[in-house]
Amino acid sequence: MADVAAGHRGRQVVAPGHRPERQQAVIDVIRTAGDPGAVPGLRRVHLLRGLDGTQVVNQMLWESREAFEQARAHLPVIERIRAEVERLVEKAVTEVYEVVPVS
């Protein structure tokens, strides 16, 4: 729960649905965004590969919702990656969550 203690509260999860043969291509496109440490306010990125091949979860931990909104509005790489992923997937769900401590 160090993330919550440190005030890192905004989390965005993108879970695209795609055909299994496109899973690696989705991962590769997301990786082309470069070093997550170079994006202001972005603390961490985790990619989760669905074992059935139909999902990739792109979990991004942001310093705040405001940092997420600023990056989305002002960094062309985010729009480019989103457009490329949307071209590969059949359905994408983007949600914003708050980290909640369990103890």
Protein backbone atom coordinates (compact mmCIF):
# COMPACT_ATOMS: atom_id res chain seq x y z
CA MET A 1 0.00 0.00 0.00
CA ALA A 2 2.97 2.29 -0.41
CA ASP A 3 1.27 3.85 -3.44
CA VAL A 4 -1.63 5.12 -1.36
CA ALA A 5 0.65 6.29 1.44
CA ALA A 6 2.72 8.23 -1.07
CA GLY A 7 -0.40 9.90 -2.47
CA HIS A 8 -0.35 8.10 -5.83
CA ARG A 9 -4.06 7.75 -6.27
CA GLY A 10 -5.02 7.88 -9.94
CA ARG A 11 -4.98 4.65 -11.88
CA GLN A 12 -6.10 4.13 -15.45
CA VAL A 13 -6.73 0.68 -16.84
CA VAL A 14 -7.18 -0.01 -20.52
CA ALA A 15 -8.31 -3.54 -21.35
CA PRO A 16 -8.60 -4.05 -25.09
CA GLY A 17 -10.32 -7.13 -26.50
CA HIS A 18 -8.69 -8.56 -29.61
CA ARG A 19 -8.06 -11.75 -31.51
CA PRO A 20 -5.32 -13.87 -29.92
CA GLU A 21 -2.98 -13.46 -32.90
CA ARG A 22 -2.92 -9.70 -32.26
CA GLN A 23 -1.99 -9.82 -28.58
CA GLN A 24 1.74 -9.40 -29.09
CA ALA A 25 1.16 -6.60 -31.60
CA VAL A 26 -0.88 -4.69 -28.99
CA ILE A 27 1.90 -5.13 -26.44
CA ASP A 28 4.52 -4.02 -28.95
CA VAL A 29 2.57 -0.86 -29.82
CA ILE A 30 2.21 0.08 -26.15
CA ARG A 31 5.93 -0.47 -25.62
CA THR A 32 6.76 1.99 -28.42
CA ALA A 33 5.60 4.81 -26.13
CA GLY A 34 9.10 4.77 -24.64
CA ASP A 35 10.24 5.29 -21.07
CA PRO A 36 7.26 5.80 -18.74
CA GLY A 37 9.60 7.72 -16.42
CA ALA A 38 9.78 10.49 -19.02
CA VAL A 39 6.05 11.22 -18.72
CA PRO A 40 5.33 13.82 -16.02
CA GLY A 41 3.09 12.40 -13.31
CA LEU A 42 3.24 8.80 -14.52
CA ARG A 43 4.61 6.66 -11.72
CA ARG A 44 4.37 3.14 -13.09
CA VAL A 45 3.04 1.06 -15.96
CA HIS A 46 2.19 -2.63 -15.84
CA LEU A 47 1.16 -4.66 -18.87
CA LEU A 48 -0.83 -7.79 -18.12
CA ARG A 49 -1.21 -10.41 -20.85
CA GLY A 50 -4.46 -12.45 -20.77
CA LEU A 51 -3.69 -16.15 -20.81
CA ASP A 52 -6.40 -16.80 -23.42
CA GLY A 53 -4.73 -14.28 -25.75
CA THR A 54 -7.71 -11.93 -26.02
CA GLN A 55 -6.75 -9.23 -23.52
CA VAL A 56 -3.90 -6.92 -22.64
CA VAL A 57 -4.38 -4.77 -19.57
CA ASN A 58 -2.36 -1.56 -19.63
CA GLN A 59 -2.37 -0.46 -16.00
CA MET A 60 -0.94 3.00 -15.41
CA LEU A 61 -0.39 4.49 -11.97
CA TRP A 62 -0.56 8.29 -12.04
CA GLU A 63 0.47 10.80 -9.42
CA SER A 64 -3.03 12.29 -9.63
CA ARG A 65 -6.01 12.47 -11.91
CA GLU A 66 -4.84 15.94 -12.92
CA ALA A 67 -1.47 14.53 -14.06
CA PHE A 68 -3.31 11.95 -16.16
CA GLU A 69 -5.56 14.59 -17.73
CA GLN A 70 -2.59 16.88 -18.47
CA ALA A 71 -0.64 14.08 -20.14
CA ARG A 72 -3.63 13.02 -22.17
CA ALA A 73 -4.27 16.58 -23.32
CA HIS A 74 -0.68 17.59 -24.11
CA LEU A 75 1.41 14.55 -25.06
CA PRO A 76 1.00 13.44 -28.68
CA VAL A 77 2.53 10.02 -27.95
CA ILE A 78 -0.47 9.09 -25.80
CA GLU A 79 -2.92 9.84 -28.60
CA ARG A 80 -0.72 8.02 -31.13
CA ILE A 81 -0.54 4.87 -28.99
CA ARG A 82 -4.28 4.96 -28.31
CA ALA A 83 -5.06 5.27 -32.04
CA GLU A 84 -2.71 2.42 -32.94
CA VAL A 85 -4.13 0.13 -30.25
CA GLU A 86 -7.69 0.94 -31.33
CA ARG A 87 -6.76 -0.09 -34.87
CA LEU A 88 -5.70 -3.54 -33.58
CA VAL A 89 -8.50 -4.26 -31.12
CA GLU A 90 -12.17 -5.04 -31.44
CA LYS A 91 -13.17 -3.41 -28.18
CA ALA A 92 -11.31 -1.24 -25.68
CA VAL A 93 -12.48 -0.26 -22.22
CA THR A 94 -10.79 2.62 -20.41
CA GLU A 95 -11.58 3.19 -16.76
CA VAL A 96 -10.05 5.34 -14.03
CA TYR A 97 -9.80 3.89 -10.54
CA GLU A 98 -8.61 4.96 -7.12
CA VAL A 99 -6.19 2.75 -5.20
CA VAL A 100 -7.83 1.55 -1.96
CA PRO A 101 -5.73 0.11 0.89
CA VAL A 102 -6.72 -3.34 2.12
CA SER A 103 -5.36 -2.88 5.63
